[in-house]
C-alpha atoms as a PDB file:
ATOM      1  CA  UNK A   1      77.586  55.930 141.469  1.00  0.00           C
ATOM      2  CA  UNK A   2      78.165  52.607 143.201  1.00  0.00           C
ATOM      3  CA  UNK A   3      75.286  50.929 145.032  1.00  0.00           C
ATOM      4  CA  UNK A   4      74.755  47.207 145.606  1.00  0.00           C
ATOM      5  CA  UNK A   5      71.229  47.366 144.152  1.00  0.00           C
ATOM      6  CA  UNK A   6      72.153  49.353 141.029  1.00  0.00           C
ATOM      7  CA  UNK A   7      73.767  47.036 138.461  1.00  0.00           C
ATOM      8  CA  UNK A   8      75.644  48.621 135.587  1.00  0.00           C
ATOM      9  CA  UNK A   9      73.181  47.418 132.960  1.00  0.00           C
ATOM     10  CA  UNK A  10      70.322  49.540 134.387  1.00  0.00           C
ATOM     11  CA  UNK A  11      72.186  52.657 133.268  1.00  0.00           C
ATOM     12  CA  UNK A  12      71.293  51.924 129.644  1.00  0.00           C
ATOM     13  CA  UNK A  13      67.479  52.022 130.028  1.00  0.00           C
ATOM     14  CA  UNK A  14      67.884  54.830 132.559  1.00  0.00           C
ATOM     15  CA  UNK A  15      69.745  56.965 130.026  1.00  0.00           C
ATOM     16  CA  UNK A  16      67.212  56.060 127.320  1.00  0.00           C
ATOM     17  CA  UNK A  17      64.365  57.082 129.621  1.00  0.00           C
ATOM     18  CA  UNK A  18      66.068  60.379 130.378  1.00  0.00           C
ATOM     19  CA  UNK A  19      66.654  60.951 126.659  1.00  0.00           C
ATOM     20  CA  UNK A  20      62.964  60.334 125.951  1.00  0.00           C
ATOM     21  CA  UNK A  21      62.147  63.158 128.359  1.00  0.00           C
ATOM     22  CA  UNK A  22      64.926  65.572 127.450  1.00  0.00           C
ATOM     23  CA  UNK A  23      65.161  65.271 123.659  1.00  0.00           C
ATOM     24  CA  UNK A  24      61.648  66.610 122.885  1.00  0.00           C
ATOM     25  CA  UNK A  25      62.266  69.649 125.084  1.00  0.00           C
ATOM     26  CA  UNK A  26      65.634  70.126 123.407  1.00  0.00           C
ATOM     27  CA  UNK A  27      63.964  69.915 120.008  1.00  0.00           C
ATOM     28  CA  UNK A  28      61.496  72.562 121.112  1.00  0.00           C
ATOM     29  CA  UNK A  29      64.318  74.878 122.203  1.00  0.00           C
ATOM     30  CA  UNK A  30      66.142  74.369 118.903  1.00  0.00           C
ATOM     31  CA  UNK A  31      63.019  75.250 116.902  1.00  0.00           C
ATOM     32  CA  UNK A  32      62.304  78.523 118.740  1.00  0.00           C
ATOM     33  CA  UNK A  33      62.686  81.617 116.569  1.00  0.00           C
ATOM     34  CA  UNK A  34      64.821  83.527 119.053  1.00  0.00           C
ATOM     35  CA  UNK A  35      65.087  86.588 116.826  1.00  0.00           C
ATOM     36  CA  UNK A  36      61.326  87.193 117.010  1.00  0.00           C
ATOM     37  CA  UNK A  37      60.701  85.435 120.322  1.00  0.00           C
ATOM     38  CA  UNK A  38      59.698  88.523 122.286  1.00  0.00           C
ATOM     39  CA  UNK A  39      57.265  89.737 119.648  1.00  0.00           C
ATOM     40  CA  UNK A  40      55.747  86.258 119.325  1.00  0.00           C
ATOM     41  CA  UNK A  41      55.006  85.868 123.033  1.00  0.00           C
ATOM     42  CA  UNK A  42      53.895  89.438 123.729  1.00  0.00           C
ATOM     43  CA  UNK A  43      50.974  89.729 121.346  1.00  0.00           C
ATOM     44  CA  UNK A  44      47.655  90.695 122.889  1.00  0.00           C
ATOM     45  CA  UNK A  45      46.328  87.153 122.528  1.00  0.00           C
ATOM     46  CA  UNK A  46      49.445  85.606 124.075  1.00  0.00           C
ATOM     47  CA  UNK A  47      49.523  87.965 127.040  1.00  0.00           C
ATOM     48  CA  UNK A  48      45.818  87.444 127.714  1.00  0.00           C
ATOM     49  CA  UNK A  49      46.216  83.661 127.563  1.00  0.00           C
ATOM     50  CA  UNK A  50      49.265  83.656 129.845  1.00  0.00           C
ATOM     51  CA  UNK A  51      47.635  85.929 132.404  1.00  0.00           C
ATOM     52  CA  UNK A  52      44.480  83.810 132.393  1.00  0.00           C
ATOM     53  CA  UNK A  53      46.526  80.626 132.839  1.00  0.00           C
ATOM     54  CA  UNK A  54      48.468  82.042 135.782  1.00  0.00           C
ATOM     55  CA  UNK A  55      45.319  83.373 137.489  1.00  0.00           C
ATOM     56  CA  UNK A  56      43.259  80.228 137.051  1.00  0.00           C
ATOM     57  CA  UNK A  57      46.131  77.878 137.900  1.00  0.00           C
ATOM     58  CA  UNK A  58      46.794  79.804 141.118  1.00  0.00           C
ATOM     59  CA  UNK A  59      43.092  79.739 142.013  1.00  0.00           C
ATOM     60  CA  UNK A  60      42.750  76.028 141.281  1.00  0.00           C
ATOM     61  CA  UNK A  61      45.858  75.335 143.381  1.00  0.00           C
ATOM     62  CA  UNK A  62      44.256  77.121 146.325  1.00  0.00           C
ATOM     63  CA  UNK A  63      41.144  74.984 145.797  1.00  0.00           C
ATOM     64  CA  UNK A  64      43.327  71.878 145.733  1.00  0.00           C
ATOM     65  CA  UNK A  65      44.801  72.874 149.092  1.00  0.00           C
ATOM     66  CA  UNK A  66      41.413  73.649 150.642  1.00  0.00           C
ATOM     67  CA  UNK A  67      39.869  70.384 149.444  1.00  0.00           C
ATOM     68  CA  UNK A  68      42.904  68.135 149.089  1.00  0.00           C
ATOM     69  CA  UNK A  69      44.577  68.553 152.485  1.00  0.00           C
ATOM     70  CA  UNK A  70      41.518  67.344 154.461  1.00  0.00           C
ATOM     71  CA  UNK A  71      40.954  64.538 151.945  1.00  0.00           C
ATOM     72  CA  UNK A  72      44.568  63.367 152.183  1.00  0.00           C
ATOM     73  CA  UNK A  73      44.405  63.512 155.976  1.00  0.00           C
ATOM     74  CA  UNK A  74      41.248  61.392 156.094  1.00  0.00           C
ATOM     75  CA  UNK A  75      42.681  58.806 153.697  1.00  0.00           C
ATOM     76  CA  UNK A  76      46.023  58.635 155.489  1.00  0.00           C
ATOM     77  CA  UNK A  77      44.413  58.038 158.867  1.00  0.00           C
ATOM     78  CA  UNK A  78      41.814  55.510 157.743  1.00  0.00           C
ATOM     79  CA  UNK A  79      42.253  51.807 157.071  1.00  0.00           C
ATOM     80  CA  UNK A  80      38.586  51.049 156.389  1.00  0.00           C
ATOM     81  CA  UNK A  81      37.430  49.495 153.128  1.00  0.00           C
ATOM     82  CA  UNK A  82      35.656  52.651 152.064  1.00  0.00           C
ATOM     83  CA  UNK A  83      39.008  54.448 152.060  1.00  0.00           C
ATOM     84  CA  UNK A  84      40.211  52.199 149.225  1.00  0.00           C
ATOM     85  CA  UNK A  85      37.134  53.091 147.194  1.00  0.00           C
ATOM     86  CA  UNK A  86      37.613  56.801 147.843  1.00  0.00           C
ATOM     87  CA  UNK A  87      41.310  56.546 146.948  1.00  0.00           C
ATOM     88  CA  UNK A  88      40.403  54.887 143.649  1.00  0.00           C
ATOM     89  CA  UNK A  89      37.983  57.719 142.876  1.00  0.00           C
ATOM     90  CA  UNK A  90      40.659  60.291 143.717  1.00  0.00           C
ATOM     91  CA  UNK A  91      43.081  58.597 141.328  1.00  0.00           C
ATOM     92  CA  UNK A  92      40.521  58.385 138.516  1.00  0.00           C
ATOM     93  CA  UNK A  93      41.364  61.788 136.929  1.00  0.00           C
ATOM     94  CA  UNK A  94      44.988  60.646 136.614  1.00  0.00           C
ATOM     95  CA  UNK A  95      44.057  57.841 134.235  1.00  0.00           C
ATOM     96  CA  UNK A  96      41.067  59.379 132.468  1.00  0.00           C
ATOM     97  CA  UNK A  97      41.686  61.070 129.114  1.00  0.00           C
ATOM     98  CA  UNK A  98      41.357  64.810 129.860  1.00  0.00           C
ATOM     99  CA  UNK A  99      38.626  65.226 127.247  1.00  0.00           C
ATOM    100  CA  UNK A 100      36.560  62.590 129.087  1.00  0.00           C
ATOM    101  CA  UNK A 101      36.971  64.603 132.267  1.00  0.00           C
ATOM    102  CA  UNK A 102      35.742  67.668 130.392  1.00  0.00           C
ATOM    103  CA  UNK A 103      32.680  65.840 129.130  1.00  0.00           C
ATOM    104  CA  UNK A 104      31.974  64.573 132.651  1.00  0.00           C
ATOM    105  CA  UNK A 105      32.190  68.126 134.003  1.00  0.00           C
ATOM    106  CA  UNK A 106      29.939  69.346 131.201  1.00  0.00           C
ATOM    107  CA  UNK A 107      27.425  66.594 131.943  1.00  0.00           C
ATOM    108  CA  UNK A 108      27.395  67.724 135.565  1.00  0.00           C
ATOM    109  CA  UNK A 109      27.726  71.525 135.474  1.00  0.00           C
ATOM    110  CA  UNK A 110      26.610  72.309 131.922  1.00  0.00           C
ATOM    111  CA  UNK A 111      23.323  74.050 131.183  1.00  0.00           C
ATOM    112  CA  UNK A 112      21.700  70.640 130.665  1.00  0.00           C
ATOM    113  CA  UNK A 113      23.816  68.892 133.266  1.00  0.00           C
ATOM    114  CA  UNK A 114      22.141  67.130 136.160  1.00  0.00           C
ATOM    115  CA  UNK A 115      23.404  69.795 138.569  1.00  0.00           C
ATOM    116  CA  UNK A 116      23.958  72.703 136.174  1.00  0.00           C
ATOM    117  CA  UNK A 117      20.313  72.905 135.130  1.00  0.00           C
ATOM    118  CA  UNK A 118      19.320  73.523 138.749  1.00  0.00           C
ATOM    119  CA  UNK A 119      22.075  76.103 139.219  1.00  0.00           C
ATOM    120  CA  UNK A 120      20.902  77.922 136.090  1.00  0.00           C
ATOM    121  CA  UNK A 121      17.485  78.354 137.704  1.00  0.00           C
ATOM    122  CA  UNK A 122      19.253  80.572 140.236  1.00  0.00           C
ATOM    123  CA  UNK A 123      21.139  82.450 137.523  1.00  0.00           C
ATOM    124  CA  UNK A 124      24.408  80.557 138.084  1.00  0.00           C
ATOM    125  CA  UNK A 125      26.198  79.511 134.893  1.00  0.00           C
ATOM    126  CA  UNK A 126      29.463  77.599 135.115  1.00  0.00           C
ATOM    127  CA  UNK A 127      30.183  76.002 131.743  1.00  0.00           C
ATOM    128  CA  UNK A 128      32.139  78.159 129.265  1.00  0.00           C
ATOM    129  CA  UNK A 129      33.139  80.680 131.925  1.00  0.00           C
ATOM    130  CA  UNK A 130      36.404  81.377 133.733  1.00  0.00           C
ATOM    131  CA  UNK A 131      35.031  79.390 136.662  1.00  0.00           C
ATOM    132  CA  UNK A 132      34.791  76.399 134.334  1.00  0.00           C
ATOM    133  CA  UNK A 133      38.516  76.729 133.608  1.00  0.00           C
ATOM    134  CA  UNK A 134      39.254  76.689 137.341  1.00  0.00           C
ATOM    135  CA  UNK A 135      37.036  73.652 137.947  1.00  0.00           C
ATOM    136  CA  UNK A 136      38.589  71.741 135.043  1.00  0.00           C
ATOM    137  CA  UNK A 137      42.098  72.502 136.296  1.00  0.00           C
ATOM    138  CA  UNK A 138      41.158  71.508 139.837  1.00  0.00           C
ATOM    139  CA  UNK A 139      39.609  68.256 138.621  1.00  0.00           C
ATOM    140  CA  UNK A 140      42.814  67.108 136.929  1.00  0.00           C
ATOM    141  CA  UNK A 141      45.322  68.488 139.459  1.00  0.00           C
ATOM    142  CA  UNK A 142      43.693  67.613 142.795  1.00  0.00           C
ATOM    143  CA  UNK A 143      44.899  63.977 142.727  1.00  0.00           C
ATOM    144  CA  UNK A 144      48.533  65.120 142.576  1.00  0.00           C
ATOM    145  CA  UNK A 145      48.190  66.942 145.889  1.00  0.00           C
ATOM    146  CA  UNK A 146      46.159  64.223 147.596  1.00  0.00           C
ATOM    147  CA  UNK A 147      48.418  61.336 146.571  1.00  0.00           C
ATOM    148  CA  UNK A 148      51.632  63.189 147.439  1.00  0.00           C
ATOM    149  CA  UNK A 149      50.399  64.443 150.797  1.00  0.00           C
ATOM    150  CA  UNK A 150      48.783  61.138 151.779  1.00  0.00           C
ATOM    151  CA  UNK A 151      52.064  59.328 151.161  1.00  0.00           C
ATOM    152  CA  UNK A 152      53.924  61.864 153.274  1.00  0.00           C
ATOM    153  CA  UNK A 153      51.391  61.579 156.113  1.00  0.00           C
ATOM    154  CA  UNK A 154      51.624  57.793 156.125  1.00  0.00           C
ATOM    155  CA  UNK A 155      55.417  57.988 156.332  1.00  0.00           C
ATOM    156  CA  UNK A 156      55.330  60.127 159.495  1.00  0.00           C
ATOM    157  CA  UNK A 157      55.387  58.420 162.870  1.00  0.00           C
ATOM    158  CA  UNK A 158      51.847  58.841 164.298  1.00  0.00           C
ATOM    159  CA  UNK A 159      53.361  58.876 167.762  1.00  0.00           C
ATOM    160  CA  UNK A 160      54.005  62.620 167.513  1.00  0.00           C
ATOM    161  CA  UNK A 161      50.305  63.309 167.037  1.00  0.00           C
ATOM    162  CA  UNK A 162      49.428  60.872 169.830  1.00  0.00           C
ATOM    163  CA  UNK A 163      51.764  62.651 172.246  1.00  0.00           C
ATOM    164  CA  UNK A 164      50.280  66.034 171.357  1.00  0.00           C
ATOM    165  CA  UNK A 165      46.783  64.657 171.920  1.00  0.00           C
ATOM    166  CA  UNK A 166      47.682  63.192 175.323  1.00  0.00           C
ATOM    167  CA  UNK A 167      49.018  66.609 176.314  1.00  0.00           C
ATOM    168  CA  UNK A 168      45.569  68.054 175.712  1.00  0.00           C
ATOM    169  CA  UNK A 169      45.879  69.457 172.182  1.00  0.00           C
ATOM    170  CA  UNK A 170      42.602  69.481 170.243  1.00  0.00           C
ATOM    171  CA  UNK A 171      42.516  67.565 166.926  1.00  0.00           C
ATOM    172  CA  UNK A 172      42.610  70.773 164.877  1.00  0.00           C
ATOM    173  CA  UNK A 173      45.616  72.000 166.834  1.00  0.00           C
ATOM    174  CA  UNK A 174      47.368  68.658 166.367  1.00  0.00           C
ATOM    175  CA  UNK A 175      46.868  68.867 162.603  1.00  0.00           C
ATOM    176  CA  UNK A 176      47.991  72.481 162.290  1.00  0.00           C
ATOM    177  CA  UNK A 177      50.862  72.466 164.780  1.00  0.00           C
ATOM    178  CA  UNK A 178      52.165  68.884 164.483  1.00  0.00           C
ATOM    179  CA  UNK A 179      51.030  66.818 161.500  1.00  0.00           C
ATOM    180  CA  UNK A 180      51.234  69.384 158.705  1.00  0.00           C
ATOM    181  CA  UNK A 181      54.612  70.858 159.742  1.00  0.00           C
ATOM    182  CA  UNK A 182      56.057  67.336 159.762  1.00  0.00           C
ATOM    183  CA  UNK A 183      54.947  66.794 156.156  1.00  0.00           C
ATOM    184  CA  UNK A 184      55.718  70.308 154.899  1.00  0.00           C
ATOM    185  CA  UNK A 185      58.065  69.040 152.136  1.00  0.00           C
ATOM    186  CA  UNK A 186      55.362  66.700 150.849  1.00  0.00           C
ATOM    187  CA  UNK A 187      52.765  69.455 151.034  1.00  0.00           C
ATOM    188  CA  UNK A 188      55.006  71.801 149.054  1.00  0.00           C
ATOM    189  CA  UNK A 189      55.708  69.089 146.476  1.00  0.00           C
ATOM    190  CA  UNK A 190      52.017  68.329 146.033  1.00  0.00           C
ATOM    191  CA  UNK A 191      51.193  72.013 145.718  1.00  0.00           C
ATOM    192  CA  UNK A 192      53.844  72.563 143.065  1.00  0.00           C
ATOM    193  CA  UNK A 193      52.773  69.497 141.099  1.00  0.00           C
ATOM    194  CA  UNK A 194      49.144  70.611 141.239  1.00  0.00           C
ATOM    195  CA  UNK A 195      50.008  74.097 140.006  1.00  0.00           C
ATOM    196  CA  UNK A 196      52.172  72.755 137.185  1.00  0.00           C
ATOM    197  CA  UNK A 197      49.446  70.314 136.120  1.00  0.00           C
ATOM    198  CA  UNK A 198      46.793  73.039 136.210  1.00  0.00           C
ATOM    199  CA  UNK A 199      49.001  75.360 134.187  1.00  0.00           C
ATOM    200  CA  UNK A 200      49.311  72.807 131.397  1.00  0.00           C
ATOM    201  CA  UNK A 201      45.732  71.557 131.353  1.00  0.00           C
ATOM    202  CA  UNK A 202      44.114  71.543 127.897  1.00  0.00           C
ATOM    203  CA  UNK A 203      41.690  68.712 127.110  1.00  0.00           C
ATOM    204  CA  UNK A 204      39.226  69.072 129.980  1.00  0.00           C
ATOM    205  CA  UNK A 205      39.407  72.855 129.800  1.00  0.00           C
ATOM    206  CA  UNK A 206      38.673  73.245 126.101  1.00  0.00           C
ATOM    207  CA  UNK A 207      35.806  70.723 126.365  1.00  0.00           C
ATOM    208  CA  UNK A 208      34.169  72.226 129.441  1.00  0.00           C
ATOM    209  CA  UNK A 209      35.121  75.906 129.138  1.00  0.00           C
ATOM    210  CA  UNK A 210      35.609  76.460 125.411  1.00  0.00           C
ATOM    211  CA  UNK A 211      37.994  79.020 123.914  1.00  0.00           C
ATOM    212  CA  UNK A 212      36.840  82.589 124.435  1.00  0.00           C
ATOM    213  CA  UNK A 213      39.752  85.023 124.395  1.00  0.00           C
ATOM    214  CA  UNK A 214      40.367  86.639 127.765  1.00  0.00           C
ATOM    215  CA  UNK A 215      37.696  84.485 129.416  1.00  0.00           C
ATOM    216  CA  UNK A 216      38.440  80.782 128.875  1.00  0.00           C
ATOM    217  CA  UNK A 217      41.311  80.642 126.376  1.00  0.00           C
ATOM    218  CA  UNK A 218      44.241  79.586 128.535  1.00  0.00           C
ATOM    219  CA  UNK A 219      47.780  79.312 127.221  1.00  0.00           C
ATOM    220  CA  UNK A 220      47.613  75.617 126.154  1.00  0.00           C
ATOM    221  CA  UNK A 221      44.496  76.389 124.109  1.00  0.00           C
ATOM    222  CA  UNK A 222      46.187  79.418 122.548  1.00  0.00           C
ATOM    223  CA  UNK A 223      49.154  77.220 121.605  1.00  0.00           C
ATOM    224  CA  UNK A 224      46.850  74.701 119.948  1.00  0.00           C
ATOM    225  CA  UNK A 225      45.091  77.409 117.928  1.00  0.00           C
ATOM    226  CA  UNK A 226      48.343  79.089 116.915  1.00  0.00           C
ATOM    227  CA  UNK A 227      49.706  75.756 115.719  1.00  0.00           C
ATOM    228  CA  UNK A 228      47.383  75.950 112.732  1.00  0.00           C
ATOM    229  CA  UNK A 229      47.961  79.590 111.762  1.00  0.00           C
ATOM    230  CA  UNK A 230      51.416  80.499 113.097  1.00  0.00           C
ATOM    231  CA  UNK A 231      53.686  77.538 113.980  1.00  0.00           C
ATOM    232  CA  UNK A 232      56.493  79.843 115.103  1.00  0.00           C
ATOM    233  CA  UNK A 233      54.190  81.483 117.649  1.00  0.00           C
ATOM    234  CA  UNK A 234      53.012  78.065 118.844  1.00  0.00           C
ATOM    235  CA  UNK A 235      56.600  76.935 119.407  1.00  0.00           C
ATOM    236  CA  UNK A 236      57.536  80.162 121.192  1.00  0.00           C
ATOM    237  CA  UNK A 237      54.500  79.940 123.473  1.00  0.00           C
ATOM    238  CA  UNK A 238      55.213  76.261 124.130  1.00  0.00           C
ATOM    239  CA  UNK A 239      58.725  77.146 125.243  1.00  0.00           C
ATOM    240  CA  UNK A 240      57.307  79.895 127.449  1.00  0.00           C
ATOM    241  CA  UNK A 241      54.953  77.426 129.122  1.00  0.00           C
ATOM    242  CA  UNK A 242      57.813  74.972 129.674  1.00  0.00           C
ATOM    243  CA  UNK A 243      59.978  77.746 131.111  1.00  0.00           C
ATOM    244  CA  UNK A 244      57.253  78.868 133.532  1.00  0.00           C
ATOM    245  CA  UNK A 245      56.653  75.300 134.691  1.00  0.00           C
ATOM    246  CA  UNK A 246      60.377  74.686 135.204  1.00  0.00           C
ATOM    247  CA  UNK A 247      60.727  77.950 137.108  1.00  0.00           C
ATOM    248  CA  UNK A 248      57.903  76.976 139.466  1.00  0.00           C
ATOM    249  CA  UNK A 249      59.456  73.570 140.133  1.00  0.00           C
ATOM    250  CA  UNK A 250      62.920  75.075 140.577  1.00  0.00           C
ATOM    251  CA  UNK A 251      61.633  77.360 143.327  1.00  0.00           C
ATOM    252  CA  UNK A 252      61.287  74.399 145.660  1.00  0.00           C
ATOM    253  CA  UNK A 253      63.412  71.694 144.039  1.00  0.00           C
ATOM    254  CA  UNK A 254      66.826  73.118 144.790  1.00  0.00           C
ATOM    255  CA  UNK A 255      69.979  71.160 145.701  1.00  0.00           C
ATOM    256  CA  UNK A 256      69.940  70.398 149.391  1.00  0.00           C
ATOM    257  CA  UNK A 257      66.297  71.348 149.727  1.00  0.00           C
ATOM    258  CA  UNK A 258      64.288  68.833 147.753  1.00  0.00           C
ATOM    259  CA  UNK A 259      60.663  68.393 148.864  1.00  0.00           C
ATOM    260  CA  UNK A 260      60.612  65.084 147.060  1.00  0.00           C
END
């Protein structure tokens, strides 16, 4: 690899950075009890947690698309001061400790939350339900979609949309037929990142939704609980979660077809 802006010395910290990412996963693989792996990951609790994680992560990803695509479009096409404030709010879940996000959700949608207490009057309970898992996952994963898609939209020449508009296309048609197809790789990347983040969410979920088997106990929570009583099961389930996440990313991040 010879590039004028890549001096030889940068390879050392680059390799160290890669090692910091790869070695823990390697250590996890080495520690897996392969002889009993299948039995460890197919217990009733494990299967229920995995199925719940897949269902809620898929649902939260759909929510991210429904809410995040319009939000990214508005931010990408606006240069007003308010857009900077909104962008900062969108990025907030990326820097907040997940447990703080869970407490914030609980303070809003909990039974005594400023919004949840009014919803409860209509018989709507959100906290400590499967819906709470979905909302917690959406809260932490939405920024990944918005940031990725906004960057892709800003990189596209706006002239294509302008031409479509001058030819009589309505704004909705311009978005659907011109803008979004041009940023399809970025949209796919943001969707995958959102799903992967939702799949691994723990802190906000356990704080806002609790840990009721089959209802709110997603796979990360099951791993945490198993860590105390059955370390081998925790390691096996951790590897399973890593494998699922890698498989999802590999579906779109293939040689010659990288959405990044």
